[in-house]
């Protein structure tokens, strides 16, 4: 049996980073499409304006809340609520891109697997990891406390992400 030559680690991680960008862009596009279909496309702010900093943080998306928790733990202060949009995007993209790098490193020894299988596994794994991280932080409730339709939607975001990472990873590999 002929052994496949392993991709250098740096190249594997770079390929994964690029695939993470693709996956995060696909997930973001799906989230925006769903928000628009639900009539909350963000143009009107998605609800009432917060009256104060505390209320702004209560209404903040999960990525910004996670960033605030990390900031409180590491530097002892929560960022200003004005930073919520920047923190939301920075955390969302950094998290997605970093999982892409991990995927690239993991795929290094295994060659190109099946996109559907690998993407679904990655998406499900990232979904599970998000709950494993965000529930103890107090950002999410345990999954059984959410309505099944909301959980299914959340899983769909992560499956889109995983499938796009796996497909992007394969496409980048074939292009180089």
N, C-alpha and C. Protein backbone atom coordinates (compact mmCIF):
# COMPACT_ATOMS: atom_id res chain seq x y z
N UNK A 1 0.84 -1.18 0.00
CA UNK A 1 0.00 0.00 0.00
C UNK A 1 0.89 1.24 0.00
N UNK A 2 0.56 2.16 -0.85
CA UNK A 2 1.34 3.38 -0.99
C UNK A 2 0.88 4.43 0.01
N UNK A 3 1.80 4.99 0.76
CA UNK A 3 1.45 6.03 1.73
C UNK A 3 1.40 7.38 1.06
N UNK A 4 0.40 8.15 1.41
CA UNK A 4 0.27 9.50 0.91
C UNK A 4 1.25 10.39 1.67
N UNK A 5 1.92 11.24 0.95
CA UNK A 5 2.87 12.16 1.57
C UNK A 5 2.09 13.25 2.31
N UNK A 6 2.48 13.49 3.55
CA UNK A 6 1.78 14.48 4.37
C UNK A 6 2.10 15.89 3.93
N UNK A 7 1.09 16.72 3.98
CA UNK A 7 1.24 18.14 3.71
C UNK A 7 2.04 18.75 4.87
N UNK A 8 2.95 19.69 4.61
CA UNK A 8 3.67 20.35 5.71
C UNK A 8 2.68 21.00 6.68
N UNK A 9 3.04 21.02 7.95
CA UNK A 9 2.13 21.52 8.99
C UNK A 9 1.69 22.96 8.71
N UNK A 10 2.62 23.83 8.38
CA UNK A 10 2.28 25.22 8.12
C UNK A 10 1.30 25.37 6.98
N UNK A 11 1.52 24.61 5.94
CA UNK A 11 0.61 24.68 4.79
C UNK A 11 -0.76 24.11 5.15
N UNK A 12 -0.78 23.04 5.93
CA UNK A 12 -2.05 22.44 6.35
C UNK A 12 -2.86 23.42 7.19
N UNK A 13 -2.20 24.11 8.10
CA UNK A 13 -2.89 25.09 8.95
C UNK A 13 -3.36 26.28 8.11
N UNK A 14 -2.51 26.76 7.19
CA UNK A 14 -2.91 27.87 6.33
C UNK A 14 -4.10 27.49 5.46
N UNK A 15 -4.09 26.29 4.92
CA UNK A 15 -5.23 25.80 4.14
C UNK A 15 -6.48 25.74 5.01
N UNK A 16 -6.32 25.29 6.25
CA UNK A 16 -7.44 25.26 7.17
C UNK A 16 -7.94 26.65 7.53
N UNK A 17 -7.02 27.60 7.72
CA UNK A 17 -7.42 28.98 8.00
C UNK A 17 -8.28 29.53 6.86
N UNK A 18 -7.83 29.31 5.63
CA UNK A 18 -8.59 29.77 4.47
C UNK A 18 -9.95 29.08 4.41
N UNK A 19 -9.97 27.79 4.70
CA UNK A 19 -11.25 27.06 4.71
C UNK A 19 -12.14 27.59 5.83
N UNK A 20 -11.55 27.99 6.95
CA UNK A 20 -12.32 28.57 8.04
C UNK A 20 -12.97 29.89 7.64
N UNK A 21 -12.27 30.68 6.83
CA UNK A 21 -12.86 31.91 6.31
C UNK A 21 -14.06 31.58 5.43
N UNK A 22 -13.90 30.59 4.57
CA UNK A 22 -15.00 30.18 3.68
C UNK A 22 -16.19 29.69 4.51
N UNK A 23 -15.92 28.85 5.49
CA UNK A 23 -16.99 28.32 6.32
C UNK A 23 -17.70 29.39 7.12
N UNK A 24 -16.93 30.32 7.69
CA UNK A 24 -17.53 31.39 8.49
C UNK A 24 -18.35 32.31 7.59
N UNK A 25 -17.88 32.58 6.39
CA UNK A 25 -18.65 33.40 5.44
C UNK A 25 -19.96 32.70 5.07
N UNK A 26 -19.91 31.40 4.84
CA UNK A 26 -21.12 30.66 4.50
C UNK A 26 -22.11 30.65 5.67
N UNK A 27 -21.60 30.43 6.88
CA UNK A 27 -22.47 30.45 8.05
C UNK A 27 -23.10 31.82 8.24
N UNK A 28 -22.30 32.85 8.09
CA UNK A 28 -22.80 34.22 8.24
C UNK A 28 -23.88 34.52 7.21
N UNK A 29 -23.65 34.11 5.97
CA UNK A 29 -24.65 34.32 4.92
C UNK A 29 -25.95 33.60 5.26
N UNK A 30 -25.86 32.37 5.77
CA UNK A 30 -27.05 31.61 6.15
C UNK A 30 -27.75 32.29 7.33
N UNK A 31 -27.01 32.78 8.30
CA UNK A 31 -27.62 33.47 9.44
C UNK A 31 -28.35 34.74 8.98
N UNK A 32 -27.73 35.50 8.08
CA UNK A 32 -28.36 36.72 7.56
C UNK A 32 -29.62 36.37 6.77
N UNK A 33 -29.55 35.32 5.94
CA UNK A 33 -30.71 34.91 5.16
C UNK A 33 -31.86 34.50 6.08
N UNK A 34 -31.56 33.74 7.11
CA UNK A 34 -32.60 33.32 8.06
C UNK A 34 -33.19 34.54 8.77
N UNK A 35 -32.34 35.46 9.20
CA UNK A 35 -32.83 36.66 9.88
C UNK A 35 -33.77 37.45 8.97
N UNK A 36 -33.41 37.55 7.71
CA UNK A 36 -34.28 38.28 6.76
C UNK A 36 -35.59 37.55 6.54
N UNK A 37 -35.52 36.23 6.42
CA UNK A 37 -36.75 35.45 6.25
C UNK A 37 -37.66 35.57 7.47
N UNK A 38 -37.07 35.70 8.62
CA UNK A 38 -37.84 35.85 9.86
C UNK A 38 -38.27 37.29 10.09
N UNK A 39 -37.84 38.20 9.23
CA UNK A 39 -38.22 39.59 9.37
C UNK A 39 -37.38 40.37 10.37
N UNK A 40 -36.20 39.85 10.70
CA UNK A 40 -35.32 40.57 11.62
C UNK A 40 -33.95 40.72 10.99
N UNK A 41 -33.92 41.31 9.82
CA UNK A 41 -32.69 41.43 9.06
C UNK A 41 -31.69 42.42 9.60
N UNK A 42 -31.99 43.02 10.74
CA UNK A 42 -31.02 43.91 11.37
C UNK A 42 -31.21 45.37 11.02
N UNK A 43 -32.04 45.68 10.00
CA UNK A 43 -32.20 47.08 9.60
C UNK A 43 -32.84 47.92 10.71
N UNK A 44 -33.75 47.32 11.48
CA UNK A 44 -34.44 48.06 12.52
C UNK A 44 -33.86 47.81 13.90
N UNK A 45 -32.76 47.09 14.00
CA UNK A 45 -32.14 46.88 15.29
C UNK A 45 -32.63 45.65 16.03
N UNK A 46 -33.67 44.98 15.54
CA UNK A 46 -34.12 43.72 16.11
C UNK A 46 -34.85 43.84 17.43
N UNK A 47 -35.34 45.03 17.81
CA UNK A 47 -36.08 45.15 19.06
C UNK A 47 -35.91 46.53 19.65
N UNK A 48 -36.31 46.65 20.91
CA UNK A 48 -36.22 47.95 21.56
C UNK A 48 -34.77 48.29 21.87
N UNK A 49 -34.52 49.58 21.88
CA UNK A 49 -33.18 50.07 22.20
C UNK A 49 -32.91 49.84 23.68
N UNK A 50 -31.72 49.36 24.02
CA UNK A 50 -31.39 49.19 25.43
C UNK A 50 -31.35 50.54 26.15
N UNK A 51 -31.78 50.54 27.39
CA UNK A 51 -31.82 51.78 28.17
C UNK A 51 -30.49 52.11 28.84
N UNK A 52 -29.65 51.08 29.03
CA UNK A 52 -28.39 51.31 29.72
C UNK A 52 -27.38 50.24 29.32
N UNK A 53 -26.18 50.35 29.85
CA UNK A 53 -25.09 49.41 29.53
C UNK A 53 -25.47 47.97 29.86
N UNK A 54 -26.01 47.76 31.05
CA UNK A 54 -26.35 46.40 31.48
C UNK A 54 -27.37 45.77 30.53
N UNK A 55 -28.37 46.52 30.15
CA UNK A 55 -29.39 46.00 29.24
C UNK A 55 -28.79 45.74 27.85
N UNK A 56 -27.88 46.60 27.43
CA UNK A 56 -27.22 46.40 26.13
C UNK A 56 -26.47 45.07 26.13
N UNK A 57 -25.77 44.77 27.23
CA UNK A 57 -25.02 43.51 27.30
C UNK A 57 -25.95 42.32 27.41
N UNK A 58 -27.09 42.47 28.08
CA UNK A 58 -28.07 41.37 28.15
C UNK A 58 -28.61 41.03 26.76
N UNK A 59 -28.76 42.03 25.91
CA UNK A 59 -29.29 41.84 24.56
C UNK A 59 -28.20 41.51 23.54
N UNK A 60 -26.95 41.59 23.93
CA UNK A 60 -25.84 41.39 22.99
C UNK A 60 -25.81 39.95 22.48
N UNK A 61 -25.36 39.77 21.23
CA UNK A 61 -25.20 38.41 20.69
C UNK A 61 -24.16 37.62 21.50
N UNK A 62 -24.28 36.31 21.42
CA UNK A 62 -23.40 35.42 22.19
C UNK A 62 -21.92 35.69 21.99
N UNK A 63 -21.43 35.93 20.76
CA UNK A 63 -19.98 36.18 20.64
C UNK A 63 -19.51 37.39 21.44
N UNK A 64 -20.30 38.46 21.45
CA UNK A 64 -19.92 39.65 22.22
C UNK A 64 -19.97 39.36 23.72
N UNK A 65 -20.99 38.61 24.14
CA UNK A 65 -21.08 38.26 25.56
C UNK A 65 -19.88 37.42 26.00
N UNK A 66 -19.47 36.49 25.14
CA UNK A 66 -18.29 35.68 25.46
C UNK A 66 -17.05 36.56 25.55
N UNK A 67 -16.90 37.51 24.63
CA UNK A 67 -15.75 38.41 24.67
C UNK A 67 -15.77 39.24 25.96
N UNK A 68 -16.95 39.68 26.36
CA UNK A 68 -17.06 40.46 27.60
C UNK A 68 -16.66 39.62 28.81
N UNK A 69 -17.09 38.35 28.83
CA UNK A 69 -16.72 37.47 29.96
C UNK A 69 -15.21 37.26 30.01
N UNK A 70 -14.60 37.06 28.84
CA UNK A 70 -13.15 36.88 28.79
C UNK A 70 -12.45 38.15 29.27
N UNK A 71 -12.94 39.29 28.83
CA UNK A 71 -12.34 40.57 29.24
C UNK A 71 -12.48 40.76 30.75
N UNK A 72 -13.65 40.46 31.29
CA UNK A 72 -13.86 40.61 32.74
C UNK A 72 -12.91 39.71 33.52
N UNK A 73 -12.68 38.50 33.00
CA UNK A 73 -11.81 37.55 33.69
C UNK A 73 -10.35 37.93 33.59
N UNK A 74 -9.93 38.40 32.42
CA UNK A 74 -8.50 38.65 32.20
C UNK A 74 -8.05 40.03 32.62
N UNK A 75 -8.85 41.06 32.33
CA UNK A 75 -8.42 42.43 32.66
C UNK A 75 -9.28 43.08 33.73
N UNK A 76 -10.32 42.37 34.17
CA UNK A 76 -11.15 42.88 35.26
C UNK A 76 -12.15 43.93 34.88
N UNK A 77 -12.40 44.11 33.58
CA UNK A 77 -13.36 45.11 33.15
C UNK A 77 -14.10 44.65 31.91
N UNK A 78 -15.35 45.03 31.83
CA UNK A 78 -16.17 44.74 30.65
C UNK A 78 -16.00 45.90 29.67
N UNK A 79 -15.85 45.59 28.39
CA UNK A 79 -15.76 46.68 27.39
C UNK A 79 -17.05 47.50 27.37
N UNK A 80 -16.96 48.67 26.82
CA UNK A 80 -18.12 49.52 26.64
C UNK A 80 -19.12 48.85 25.69
N UNK A 81 -20.39 49.08 25.93
CA UNK A 81 -21.43 48.51 25.06
C UNK A 81 -21.30 49.01 23.62
N UNK A 82 -20.64 50.12 23.42
CA UNK A 82 -20.39 50.61 22.06
C UNK A 82 -19.58 49.60 21.24
N UNK A 83 -18.82 48.75 21.93
CA UNK A 83 -17.94 47.77 21.26
C UNK A 83 -18.68 46.49 20.88
N UNK A 84 -19.95 46.34 21.26
CA UNK A 84 -20.68 45.10 21.01
C UNK A 84 -20.63 44.67 19.54
N UNK A 85 -20.92 45.54 18.56
CA UNK A 85 -20.86 45.09 17.16
C UNK A 85 -19.47 44.61 16.74
N UNK A 86 -18.44 45.32 17.15
CA UNK A 86 -17.06 44.93 16.79
C UNK A 86 -16.70 43.61 17.45
N UNK A 87 -17.02 43.47 18.73
CA UNK A 87 -16.71 42.23 19.45
C UNK A 87 -17.48 41.05 18.88
N UNK A 88 -18.74 41.28 18.50
CA UNK A 88 -19.54 40.21 17.91
C UNK A 88 -18.87 39.68 16.65
N UNK A 89 -18.51 40.57 15.77
CA UNK A 89 -17.87 40.15 14.51
C UNK A 89 -16.49 39.56 14.74
N UNK A 90 -15.71 40.18 15.59
CA UNK A 90 -14.35 39.68 15.83
C UNK A 90 -14.38 38.27 16.41
N UNK A 91 -15.22 38.05 17.40
CA UNK A 91 -15.29 36.72 18.02
C UNK A 91 -15.87 35.68 17.06
N UNK A 92 -16.90 36.04 16.33
CA UNK A 92 -17.53 35.12 15.38
C UNK A 92 -16.51 34.66 14.33
N UNK A 93 -15.80 35.61 13.75
CA UNK A 93 -14.83 35.28 12.70
C UNK A 93 -13.60 34.56 13.27
N UNK A 94 -13.10 35.01 14.41
CA UNK A 94 -11.93 34.36 15.00
C UNK A 94 -12.25 32.91 15.39
N UNK A 95 -13.43 32.68 15.94
CA UNK A 95 -13.82 31.33 16.34
C UNK A 95 -13.94 30.42 15.11
N UNK A 96 -14.62 30.92 14.09
CA UNK A 96 -14.79 30.12 12.88
C UNK A 96 -13.47 29.84 12.17
N UNK A 97 -12.64 30.84 12.07
CA UNK A 97 -11.36 30.66 11.38
C UNK A 97 -10.45 29.72 12.17
N UNK A 98 -10.48 29.83 13.49
CA UNK A 98 -9.63 28.95 14.30
C UNK A 98 -10.07 27.49 14.19
N UNK A 99 -11.37 27.23 14.12
CA UNK A 99 -11.83 25.85 13.91
C UNK A 99 -11.40 25.36 12.53
N UNK A 100 -11.36 26.25 11.55
CA UNK A 100 -10.86 25.87 10.23
C UNK A 100 -9.41 25.44 10.29
N UNK A 101 -8.60 26.18 11.07
CA UNK A 101 -7.19 25.81 11.22
C UNK A 101 -7.07 24.44 11.88
N UNK A 102 -7.89 24.19 12.89
CA UNK A 102 -7.87 22.87 13.55
C UNK A 102 -8.27 21.78 12.56
N UNK A 103 -9.27 22.07 11.73
CA UNK A 103 -9.70 21.10 10.72
C UNK A 103 -8.55 20.81 9.75
N UNK A 104 -7.88 21.86 9.29
CA UNK A 104 -6.75 21.68 8.37
C UNK A 104 -5.66 20.82 8.97
N UNK A 105 -5.35 21.07 10.24
CA UNK A 105 -4.32 20.28 10.92
C UNK A 105 -4.77 18.82 11.06
N UNK A 106 -6.03 18.62 11.38
CA UNK A 106 -6.55 17.25 11.55
C UNK A 106 -6.59 16.50 10.22
N UNK A 107 -6.90 17.20 9.16
CA UNK A 107 -6.99 16.56 7.83
C UNK A 107 -5.60 16.27 7.27
N UNK A 108 -4.58 16.87 7.82
CA UNK A 108 -3.22 16.76 7.28
C UNK A 108 -2.80 15.32 7.04
N UNK A 109 -3.01 14.48 8.00
CA UNK A 109 -2.57 13.08 7.88
C UNK A 109 -3.56 12.23 7.12
N UNK A 110 -4.81 12.67 7.05
CA UNK A 110 -5.84 11.83 6.47
C UNK A 110 -6.16 12.09 5.03
N UNK A 111 -5.50 13.04 4.41
CA UNK A 111 -5.84 13.35 3.02
C UNK A 111 -7.22 13.97 2.94
N UNK A 112 -7.79 13.95 1.75
CA UNK A 112 -9.13 14.49 1.58
C UNK A 112 -10.15 13.39 1.83
N UNK A 113 -10.95 13.60 2.84
CA UNK A 113 -12.02 12.67 3.16
C UNK A 113 -13.27 13.00 2.38
N UNK A 114 -14.35 12.51 2.85
CA UNK A 114 -15.65 12.79 2.22
C UNK A 114 -16.17 14.12 2.77
N UNK A 115 -16.45 15.05 1.88
CA UNK A 115 -16.85 16.39 2.28
C UNK A 115 -18.12 16.34 3.14
N UNK A 116 -19.13 15.60 2.70
CA UNK A 116 -20.39 15.58 3.44
C UNK A 116 -20.20 15.01 4.85
N UNK A 117 -19.50 13.90 4.95
CA UNK A 117 -19.28 13.28 6.26
C UNK A 117 -18.42 14.17 7.15
N UNK A 118 -17.28 14.59 6.62
CA UNK A 118 -16.36 15.39 7.42
C UNK A 118 -16.97 16.74 7.80
N UNK A 119 -17.67 17.35 6.86
CA UNK A 119 -18.29 18.64 7.13
C UNK A 119 -19.39 18.54 8.17
N UNK A 120 -20.20 17.49 8.06
CA UNK A 120 -21.26 17.29 9.05
C UNK A 120 -20.67 17.02 10.44
N UNK A 121 -19.62 16.22 10.49
CA UNK A 121 -18.97 15.95 11.78
C UNK A 121 -18.35 17.22 12.36
N UNK A 122 -17.69 18.00 11.52
CA UNK A 122 -17.10 19.25 12.00
C UNK A 122 -18.20 20.18 12.51
N UNK A 123 -19.24 20.38 11.72
CA UNK A 123 -20.32 21.27 12.13
C UNK A 123 -20.97 20.83 13.43
N UNK A 124 -21.25 19.54 13.57
CA UNK A 124 -21.84 19.03 14.81
C UNK A 124 -20.87 19.19 15.97
N UNK A 125 -19.60 18.97 15.72
CA UNK A 125 -18.60 19.11 16.77
C UNK A 125 -18.47 20.55 17.24
N UNK A 126 -18.47 21.49 16.31
CA UNK A 126 -18.37 22.90 16.67
C UNK A 126 -19.63 23.34 17.42
N UNK A 127 -20.78 22.85 16.98
CA UNK A 127 -22.03 23.16 17.69
C UNK A 127 -21.95 22.66 19.13
N UNK A 128 -21.53 21.41 19.32
CA UNK A 128 -21.42 20.85 20.67
C UNK A 128 -20.38 21.61 21.49
N UNK A 129 -19.26 21.95 20.88
CA UNK A 129 -18.22 22.69 21.59
C UNK A 129 -18.72 24.06 22.03
N UNK A 130 -19.54 24.69 21.20
CA UNK A 130 -20.04 26.01 21.58
C UNK A 130 -20.89 25.92 22.84
N UNK A 131 -21.71 24.89 22.95
CA UNK A 131 -22.50 24.71 24.17
C UNK A 131 -21.60 24.34 25.35
N UNK A 132 -20.62 23.50 25.10
CA UNK A 132 -19.70 23.09 26.17
C UNK A 132 -18.93 24.29 26.72
N UNK A 133 -18.68 25.29 25.88
CA UNK A 133 -17.95 26.47 26.32
C UNK A 133 -18.88 27.56 26.86
N UNK A 134 -19.99 27.79 26.18
CA UNK A 134 -20.82 28.95 26.50
C UNK A 134 -21.80 28.72 27.65
N UNK A 135 -22.20 27.48 27.89
CA UNK A 135 -23.09 27.22 29.03
C UNK A 135 -22.38 27.51 30.35
N UNK A 136 -21.16 26.98 30.57
CA UNK A 136 -20.48 27.30 31.83
C UNK A 136 -20.17 28.79 32.00
N UNK A 137 -20.01 29.49 30.88
CA UNK A 137 -19.74 30.93 30.94
C UNK A 137 -21.00 31.73 31.28
N UNK A 138 -22.17 31.09 31.20
CA UNK A 138 -23.42 31.79 31.45
C UNK A 138 -23.94 32.54 30.25
N UNK A 139 -23.40 32.27 29.08
CA UNK A 139 -23.83 32.94 27.85
C UNK A 139 -25.01 32.19 27.23
N UNK A 140 -24.97 30.87 27.24
CA UNK A 140 -26.05 30.02 26.73
C UNK A 140 -26.68 29.26 27.89
N UNK A 141 -27.90 28.83 27.67
CA UNK A 141 -28.57 27.87 28.54
C UNK A 141 -28.19 26.49 28.02
N UNK A 142 -28.37 25.44 28.83
CA UNK A 142 -28.15 24.09 28.30
C UNK A 142 -29.10 23.85 27.13
N UNK A 143 -28.69 23.04 26.16
CA UNK A 143 -29.49 22.88 24.94
C UNK A 143 -30.92 22.40 25.18
N UNK A 144 -31.15 21.61 26.20
CA UNK A 144 -32.50 21.09 26.44
C UNK A 144 -33.47 22.17 26.91
N UNK A 145 -32.97 23.35 27.20
CA UNK A 145 -33.85 24.45 27.61
C UNK A 145 -34.34 25.29 26.43
N UNK A 146 -33.87 24.99 25.23
CA UNK A 146 -34.30 25.73 24.05
C UNK A 146 -35.39 24.95 23.32
N UNK A 147 -36.28 25.65 22.64
CA UNK A 147 -37.29 24.95 21.83
C UNK A 147 -36.59 24.16 20.71
N UNK A 148 -37.13 22.99 20.36
CA UNK A 148 -36.50 22.18 19.31
C UNK A 148 -36.27 22.93 18.00
N UNK A 149 -37.18 23.80 17.62
CA UNK A 149 -37.01 24.54 16.36
C UNK A 149 -35.80 25.46 16.43
N UNK A 150 -35.55 26.08 17.59
CA UNK A 150 -34.39 26.95 17.73
C UNK A 150 -33.10 26.15 17.73
N UNK A 151 -33.11 25.00 18.38
CA UNK A 151 -31.93 24.13 18.36
C UNK A 151 -31.64 23.67 16.94
N UNK A 152 -32.68 23.28 16.22
CA UNK A 152 -32.48 22.82 14.84
C UNK A 152 -31.89 23.93 13.98
N UNK A 153 -32.35 25.15 14.17
CA UNK A 153 -31.82 26.27 13.42
C UNK A 153 -30.34 26.49 13.77
N UNK A 154 -30.02 26.43 15.05
CA UNK A 154 -28.63 26.60 15.49
C UNK A 154 -27.75 25.49 14.90
N UNK A 155 -28.25 24.26 14.92
CA UNK A 155 -27.50 23.16 14.31
C UNK A 155 -27.31 23.42 12.82
N UNK A 156 -28.35 23.94 12.15
CA UNK A 156 -28.23 24.20 10.71
C UNK A 156 -27.12 25.20 10.41
N UNK A 157 -26.98 26.23 11.24
CA UNK A 157 -25.91 27.20 11.03
C UNK A 157 -24.55 26.50 11.08
N UNK A 158 -24.39 25.63 12.05
CA UNK A 158 -23.11 24.95 12.23
C UNK A 158 -22.86 23.88 11.16
N UNK A 159 -23.92 23.24 10.69
CA UNK A 159 -23.75 22.28 9.59
C UNK A 159 -23.33 23.00 8.31
N UNK A 160 -23.94 24.14 8.03
CA UNK A 160 -23.53 24.94 6.88
C UNK A 160 -22.06 25.30 7.01
N UNK A 161 -21.66 25.73 8.20
CA UNK A 161 -20.26 26.06 8.46
C UNK A 161 -19.36 24.87 8.16
N UNK A 162 -19.65 23.73 8.78
CA UNK A 162 -18.79 22.56 8.63
C UNK A 162 -18.69 22.09 7.19
N UNK A 163 -19.83 22.06 6.50
CA UNK A 163 -19.81 21.62 5.10
C UNK A 163 -19.02 22.58 4.23
N UNK A 164 -19.15 23.88 4.50
CA UNK A 164 -18.40 24.86 3.71
C UNK A 164 -16.90 24.78 4.01
N UNK A 165 -16.53 24.53 5.26
CA UNK A 165 -15.11 24.37 5.59
C UNK A 165 -14.55 23.16 4.85
N UNK A 166 -15.25 22.03 4.93
CA UNK A 166 -14.76 20.81 4.28
C UNK A 166 -14.67 20.98 2.76
N UNK A 167 -15.70 21.60 2.17
CA UNK A 167 -15.68 21.82 0.72
C UNK A 167 -14.58 22.81 0.33
N UNK A 168 -14.43 23.88 1.12
CA UNK A 168 -13.38 24.86 0.85
C UNK A 168 -12.01 24.26 1.00
N UNK A 169 -11.84 23.46 2.00
CA UNK A 169 -10.56 22.78 2.24
C UNK A 169 -10.19 21.91 1.03
N UNK A 170 -11.16 21.14 0.55
CA UNK A 170 -10.90 20.29 -0.61
C UNK A 170 -10.60 21.14 -1.84
N UNK A 171 -11.39 22.18 -2.08
CA UNK A 171 -11.19 23.02 -3.27
C UNK A 171 -9.82 23.69 -3.25
N UNK A 172 -9.41 24.18 -2.09
CA UNK A 172 -8.09 24.81 -1.98
C UNK A 172 -7.00 23.77 -2.26
N UNK A 173 -7.18 22.57 -1.76
CA UNK A 173 -6.20 21.51 -1.99
C UNK A 173 -6.06 21.15 -3.45
N UNK A 174 -7.18 21.17 -4.16
CA UNK A 174 -7.13 20.84 -5.59
C UNK A 174 -6.58 21.98 -6.43
N UNK A 175 -6.68 23.20 -5.89
CA UNK A 175 -6.21 24.38 -6.64
C UNK A 175 -4.70 24.57 -6.49
N UNK A 176 -4.12 23.94 -5.48
CA UNK A 176 -2.68 24.16 -5.26
C UNK A 176 -1.85 23.01 -5.79
